[in-house]
Amino acid sequence: MAIQQQPGLLSRILFFIIALLATAGFFVVGATVFLVLLGFAVIAFVSFSLRVWWLKRKLARQYGEGFQRQQADRDAFIRTQQYYSGNRASKNTIKGVIVEGEIVEPSDNNE
């Protein structure tokens, strides 16, 4: 029967130091990858926000005050609906949805 020797004090200390350095290295690499991905997300968000702002500005120039008034009316409608729905609305209720429709009147001729 073979007798196994216990690792010496020096080998245990070296293993602990190597494990500590590897853990620190993995943490640094993970934090770096996280920050790079977070940077990409911030750049994407800012780019998207600027694009939306630019398109709204372009539409406002193209359609004049009518576009801005329509947008202000929509925002006022949403705020009013949210105010009156208050605490009665459940968490699952969708607030501020505008449904457009068309009224069709029957014709006078009998067909």
N, C-alpha and C. Protein backbone atom coordinates (compact mmCIF):
# COMPACT_ATOMS: atom_id res chain seq x y z
N MET A 1 0.83 -1.16 0.00
CA MET A 1 0.00 0.00 0.00
C MET A 1 0.88 1.24 0.00
N ALA A 2 0.56 2.14 -0.94
CA ALA A 2 1.39 3.33 -1.08
C ALA A 2 0.94 4.40 -0.09
N ILE A 3 1.88 5.04 0.48
CA ILE A 3 1.60 6.12 1.43
C ILE A 3 1.73 7.44 0.68
N GLN A 4 0.66 8.26 0.78
CA GLN A 4 0.70 9.56 0.11
C GLN A 4 1.25 10.59 1.06
N GLN A 5 2.12 11.41 0.52
CA GLN A 5 2.70 12.46 1.35
C GLN A 5 1.82 13.70 1.28
N GLN A 6 1.68 14.38 2.39
CA GLN A 6 0.96 15.64 2.45
C GLN A 6 1.82 16.71 1.78
N PRO A 7 1.16 17.67 1.05
CA PRO A 7 1.96 18.72 0.44
C PRO A 7 2.64 19.55 1.52
N GLY A 8 3.84 19.96 1.20
CA GLY A 8 4.61 20.74 2.16
C GLY A 8 4.07 22.17 2.31
N LEU A 9 4.59 22.84 3.30
CA LEU A 9 4.15 24.20 3.59
C LEU A 9 4.48 25.12 2.42
N LEU A 10 5.64 24.96 1.83
CA LEU A 10 6.03 25.82 0.70
C LEU A 10 5.11 25.62 -0.49
N SER A 11 4.74 24.39 -0.81
CA SER A 11 3.86 24.15 -1.96
C SER A 11 2.45 24.69 -1.69
N ARG A 12 1.99 24.61 -0.43
CA ARG A 12 0.68 25.17 -0.12
C ARG A 12 0.68 26.70 -0.23
N ILE A 13 1.74 27.32 0.22
CA ILE A 13 1.84 28.78 0.12
C ILE A 13 1.91 29.21 -1.34
N LEU A 14 2.71 28.49 -2.16
CA LEU A 14 2.80 28.82 -3.59
C LEU A 14 1.45 28.61 -4.28
N PHE A 15 0.74 27.54 -3.95
CA PHE A 15 -0.58 27.30 -4.53
C PHE A 15 -1.55 28.44 -4.15
N PHE A 16 -1.53 28.87 -2.89
CA PHE A 16 -2.39 29.94 -2.44
C PHE A 16 -2.08 31.24 -3.18
N ILE A 17 -0.82 31.56 -3.36
CA ILE A 17 -0.42 32.79 -4.06
C ILE A 17 -0.86 32.72 -5.53
N ILE A 18 -0.64 31.59 -6.17
CA ILE A 18 -1.03 31.43 -7.58
C ILE A 18 -2.56 31.52 -7.72
N ALA A 19 -3.29 30.87 -6.81
CA ALA A 19 -4.75 30.91 -6.85
C ALA A 19 -5.26 32.35 -6.62
N LEU A 20 -4.62 33.07 -5.71
CA LEU A 20 -5.01 34.45 -5.44
C LEU A 20 -4.74 35.33 -6.66
N LEU A 21 -3.60 35.17 -7.32
CA LEU A 21 -3.29 35.94 -8.52
C LEU A 21 -4.23 35.60 -9.67
N ALA A 22 -4.56 34.32 -9.82
CA ALA A 22 -5.48 33.91 -10.88
C ALA A 22 -6.87 34.49 -10.63
N THR A 23 -7.33 34.46 -9.38
CA THR A 23 -8.64 35.03 -9.05
C THR A 23 -8.66 36.53 -9.33
N ALA A 24 -7.61 37.22 -8.94
CA ALA A 24 -7.52 38.66 -9.20
C ALA A 24 -7.49 38.93 -10.70
N GLY A 25 -6.74 38.11 -11.45
CA GLY A 25 -6.68 38.27 -12.90
C GLY A 25 -8.04 38.04 -13.56
N PHE A 26 -8.76 37.00 -13.11
CA PHE A 26 -10.10 36.73 -13.66
C PHE A 26 -11.05 37.88 -13.35
N PHE A 27 -10.94 38.44 -12.14
CA PHE A 27 -11.79 39.56 -11.76
C PHE A 27 -11.51 40.78 -12.63
N VAL A 28 -10.24 41.06 -12.87
CA VAL A 28 -9.87 42.21 -13.70
C VAL A 28 -10.36 42.02 -15.14
N VAL A 29 -10.19 40.84 -15.68
CA VAL A 29 -10.66 40.57 -17.04
C VAL A 29 -12.18 40.68 -17.12
N GLY A 30 -12.88 40.12 -16.14
CA GLY A 30 -14.34 40.19 -16.11
C GLY A 30 -14.83 41.63 -15.99
N ALA A 31 -14.20 42.41 -15.11
CA ALA A 31 -14.59 43.81 -14.96
C ALA A 31 -14.32 44.59 -16.24
N THR A 32 -13.23 44.29 -16.91
CA THR A 32 -12.91 44.98 -18.17
C THR A 32 -13.95 44.66 -19.24
N VAL A 33 -14.30 43.40 -19.37
CA VAL A 33 -15.32 43.01 -20.36
C VAL A 33 -16.66 43.66 -20.03
N PHE A 34 -17.02 43.68 -18.75
CA PHE A 34 -18.27 44.32 -18.33
C PHE A 34 -18.26 45.80 -18.69
N LEU A 35 -17.19 46.50 -18.39
CA LEU A 35 -17.12 47.93 -18.69
C LEU A 35 -17.13 48.21 -20.19
N VAL A 36 -16.50 47.34 -20.98
CA VAL A 36 -16.52 47.51 -22.43
C VAL A 36 -17.95 47.34 -22.95
N LEU A 37 -18.64 46.31 -22.49
CA LEU A 37 -20.03 46.10 -22.91
C LEU A 37 -20.93 47.23 -22.43
N LEU A 38 -20.70 47.73 -21.23
CA LEU A 38 -21.46 48.87 -20.73
C LEU A 38 -21.20 50.11 -21.58
N GLY A 39 -19.96 50.29 -22.01
CA GLY A 39 -19.63 51.41 -22.89
C GLY A 39 -20.35 51.29 -24.22
N PHE A 40 -20.39 50.09 -24.79
CA PHE A 40 -21.13 49.89 -26.05
C PHE A 40 -22.62 50.19 -25.86
N ALA A 41 -23.18 49.78 -24.72
CA ALA A 41 -24.59 50.03 -24.46
C ALA A 41 -24.86 51.54 -24.34
N VAL A 42 -23.97 52.26 -23.68
CA VAL A 42 -24.14 53.71 -23.55
C VAL A 42 -24.03 54.38 -24.92
N ILE A 43 -23.07 53.96 -25.71
CA ILE A 43 -22.91 54.54 -27.05
C ILE A 43 -24.14 54.25 -27.91
N ALA A 44 -24.68 53.03 -27.82
CA ALA A 44 -25.88 52.69 -28.59
C ALA A 44 -27.07 53.52 -28.12
N PHE A 45 -27.22 53.70 -26.81
CA PHE A 45 -28.33 54.49 -26.27
C PHE A 45 -28.23 55.95 -26.71
N VAL A 46 -27.05 56.52 -26.62
CA VAL A 46 -26.87 57.92 -27.03
C VAL A 46 -27.11 58.07 -28.52
N SER A 47 -26.63 57.13 -29.32
CA SER A 47 -26.84 57.19 -30.77
C SER A 47 -28.32 57.11 -31.10
N PHE A 48 -29.03 56.20 -30.46
CA PHE A 48 -30.46 56.05 -30.70
C PHE A 48 -31.22 57.30 -30.27
N SER A 49 -30.85 57.85 -29.12
CA SER A 49 -31.51 59.07 -28.63
C SER A 49 -31.27 60.24 -29.57
N LEU A 50 -30.05 60.39 -30.06
CA LEU A 50 -29.76 61.46 -31.01
C LEU A 50 -30.52 61.28 -32.31
N ARG A 51 -30.65 60.04 -32.77
CA ARG A 51 -31.39 59.77 -34.00
C ARG A 51 -32.86 60.11 -33.85
N VAL A 52 -33.46 59.75 -32.72
CA VAL A 52 -34.86 60.08 -32.47
C VAL A 52 -35.04 61.59 -32.38
N TRP A 53 -34.13 62.26 -31.67
CA TRP A 53 -34.20 63.71 -31.56
C TRP A 53 -34.09 64.35 -32.94
N TRP A 54 -33.16 63.87 -33.75
CA TRP A 54 -32.96 64.43 -35.09
C TRP A 54 -34.21 64.23 -35.96
N LEU A 55 -34.82 63.06 -35.90
CA LEU A 55 -36.02 62.80 -36.68
C LEU A 55 -37.19 63.67 -36.21
N LYS A 56 -37.34 63.85 -34.90
CA LYS A 56 -38.40 64.72 -34.39
C LYS A 56 -38.17 66.16 -34.85
N ARG A 57 -36.92 66.57 -34.84
CA ARG A 57 -36.58 67.93 -35.28
C ARG A 57 -36.89 68.09 -36.77
N LYS A 58 -36.56 67.07 -37.56
CA LYS A 58 -36.82 67.10 -38.99
C LYS A 58 -38.32 67.15 -39.27
N LEU A 59 -39.10 66.34 -38.55
CA LEU A 59 -40.54 66.36 -38.73
C LEU A 59 -41.14 67.70 -38.30
N ALA A 60 -40.61 68.27 -37.24
CA ALA A 60 -41.11 69.57 -36.78
C ALA A 60 -40.84 70.65 -37.83
N ARG A 61 -39.69 70.59 -38.46
CA ARG A 61 -39.39 71.56 -39.52
C ARG A 61 -40.26 71.33 -40.75
N GLN A 62 -40.49 70.05 -41.06
CA GLN A 62 -41.24 69.72 -42.27
C GLN A 62 -42.72 70.06 -42.12
N TYR A 63 -43.28 69.77 -40.96
CA TYR A 63 -44.72 69.96 -40.78
C TYR A 63 -45.06 71.19 -39.95
N GLY A 64 -44.07 71.89 -39.48
CA GLY A 64 -44.31 73.14 -38.77
C GLY A 64 -44.94 72.95 -37.40
N GLU A 65 -45.75 73.94 -37.03
CA GLU A 65 -46.34 73.94 -35.70
C GLU A 65 -47.35 72.82 -35.52
N GLY A 66 -47.96 72.36 -36.59
CA GLY A 66 -48.96 71.30 -36.48
C GLY A 66 -48.41 70.06 -35.82
N PHE A 67 -47.18 69.69 -36.16
CA PHE A 67 -46.56 68.50 -35.57
C PHE A 67 -46.31 68.71 -34.08
N GLN A 68 -45.79 69.88 -33.72
CA GLN A 68 -45.51 70.15 -32.32
C GLN A 68 -46.80 70.23 -31.51
N ARG A 69 -47.84 70.84 -32.08
CA ARG A 69 -49.11 70.94 -31.38
C ARG A 69 -49.72 69.55 -31.19
N GLN A 70 -49.63 68.72 -32.23
CA GLN A 70 -50.16 67.36 -32.15
C GLN A 70 -49.43 66.56 -31.07
N GLN A 71 -48.12 66.73 -31.02
CA GLN A 71 -47.34 66.01 -30.02
C GLN A 71 -47.69 66.51 -28.62
N ALA A 72 -47.87 67.82 -28.46
CA ALA A 72 -48.24 68.37 -27.16
C ALA A 72 -49.63 67.90 -26.75
N ASP A 73 -50.56 67.83 -27.71
CA ASP A 73 -51.90 67.34 -27.42
C ASP A 73 -51.86 65.88 -26.98
N ARG A 74 -51.04 65.08 -27.65
CA ARG A 74 -50.93 63.67 -27.29
C ARG A 74 -50.36 63.53 -25.87
N ASP A 75 -49.32 64.31 -25.56
CA ASP A 75 -48.73 64.24 -24.23
C ASP A 75 -49.73 64.68 -23.17
N ALA A 76 -50.51 65.72 -23.46
CA ALA A 76 -51.53 66.18 -22.51
C ALA A 76 -52.60 65.11 -22.32
N PHE A 77 -52.99 64.45 -23.40
CA PHE A 77 -53.98 63.38 -23.31
C PHE A 77 -53.48 62.25 -22.42
N ILE A 78 -52.24 61.87 -22.62
CA ILE A 78 -51.67 60.77 -21.82
C ILE A 78 -51.61 61.16 -20.36
N ARG A 79 -51.17 62.40 -20.06
CA ARG A 79 -51.11 62.85 -18.67
C ARG A 79 -52.51 62.87 -18.05
N THR A 80 -53.50 63.31 -18.79
CA THR A 80 -54.86 63.36 -18.28
C THR A 80 -55.38 61.96 -17.98
N GLN A 81 -55.14 61.04 -18.91
CA GLN A 81 -55.58 59.66 -18.69
C GLN A 81 -54.90 59.05 -17.48
N GLN A 82 -53.62 59.31 -17.32
CA GLN A 82 -52.90 58.78 -16.17
C GLN A 82 -53.40 59.40 -14.87
N TYR A 83 -53.75 60.68 -14.92
CA TYR A 83 -54.25 61.35 -13.72
C TYR A 83 -55.58 60.76 -13.30
N TYR A 84 -56.51 60.60 -14.25
CA TYR A 84 -57.83 60.12 -13.91
C TYR A 84 -57.85 58.63 -13.61
N SER A 85 -56.93 57.87 -14.20
CA SER A 85 -56.91 56.44 -13.88
C SER A 85 -56.35 56.23 -12.49
N GLY A 86 -55.42 57.09 -12.06
CA GLY A 86 -54.92 57.13 -10.69
C GLY A 86 -54.59 55.78 -10.12
N ASN A 87 -55.10 55.55 -8.92
CA ASN A 87 -54.81 54.31 -8.20
C ASN A 87 -55.76 53.19 -8.58
N ARG A 88 -56.79 53.50 -9.36
CA ARG A 88 -57.74 52.47 -9.74
C ARG A 88 -57.15 51.48 -10.73
N ALA A 89 -56.17 51.91 -11.50
CA ALA A 89 -55.60 51.05 -12.54
C ALA A 89 -54.67 50.03 -11.90
N SER A 90 -54.71 48.84 -12.43
CA SER A 90 -53.80 47.81 -11.94
C SER A 90 -52.44 47.99 -12.60
N LYS A 91 -51.48 47.22 -12.13
CA LYS A 91 -50.13 47.33 -12.69
C LYS A 91 -50.07 46.84 -14.12
N ASN A 92 -51.00 45.97 -14.51
CA ASN A 92 -50.97 45.39 -15.85
C ASN A 92 -51.69 46.27 -16.88
N THR A 93 -52.32 47.35 -16.44
CA THR A 93 -53.05 48.21 -17.36
C THR A 93 -52.07 49.02 -18.20
N ILE A 94 -52.30 49.06 -19.48
CA ILE A 94 -51.46 49.86 -20.37
C ILE A 94 -52.03 51.27 -20.37
N LYS A 95 -51.20 52.23 -20.01
CA LYS A 95 -51.67 53.61 -19.93
C LYS A 95 -51.18 54.39 -21.14
N GLY A 96 -52.00 55.32 -21.60
CA GLY A 96 -51.57 56.24 -22.63
C GLY A 96 -51.61 55.68 -24.03
N VAL A 97 -52.41 54.67 -24.31
CA VAL A 97 -52.49 54.12 -25.66
C VAL A 97 -53.58 54.86 -26.41
N ILE A 98 -53.25 55.39 -27.55
CA ILE A 98 -54.20 56.11 -28.37
C ILE A 98 -54.65 55.20 -29.50
N VAL A 99 -55.95 55.00 -29.59
CA VAL A 99 -56.50 54.16 -30.65
C VAL A 99 -57.21 55.08 -31.62
N GLU A 100 -56.80 55.02 -32.87
CA GLU A 100 -57.42 55.86 -33.88
C GLU A 100 -58.52 55.07 -34.58
N GLY A 101 -59.58 55.77 -34.98
CA GLY A 101 -60.68 55.11 -35.65
C GLY A 101 -61.27 56.02 -36.71
N GLU A 102 -62.20 55.50 -37.45
CA GLU A 102 -62.85 56.26 -38.51
C GLU A 102 -64.35 56.06 -38.36
N ILE A 103 -65.08 57.17 -38.42
CA ILE A 103 -66.53 57.11 -38.32
C ILE A 103 -67.09 57.06 -39.73
N VAL A 104 -67.91 56.06 -39.98
CA VAL A 104 -68.51 55.91 -41.31
C VAL A 104 -70.01 56.10 -41.13
N GLU A 105 -70.57 57.08 -41.85
CA GLU A 105 -72.00 57.33 -41.76
C GLU A 105 -72.69 56.58 -42.90
N PRO A 106 -73.85 56.04 -42.61
CA PRO A 106 -74.56 55.35 -43.68
C PRO A 106 -75.03 56.35 -44.74
N SER A 107 -75.04 55.91 -45.97
CA SER A 107 -75.45 56.80 -47.07
C SER A 107 -76.98 56.92 -47.07
N ASP A 108 -77.48 58.01 -47.69
CA ASP A 108 -78.91 58.27 -47.73
C ASP A 108 -79.64 57.38 -48.74
N ASN A 109 -78.96 56.96 -49.75
CA ASN A 109 -79.64 56.14 -50.77
C ASN A 109 -79.84 54.72 -50.26
N ASN A 110 -80.92 54.13 -50.59
CA ASN A 110 -81.25 52.78 -50.13
C ASN A 110 -80.71 51.76 -51.12
N GLU A 111 -79.70 51.09 -50.74
CA GLU A 111 -79.11 50.10 -51.63
C GLU A 111 -79.34 48.72 -51.12
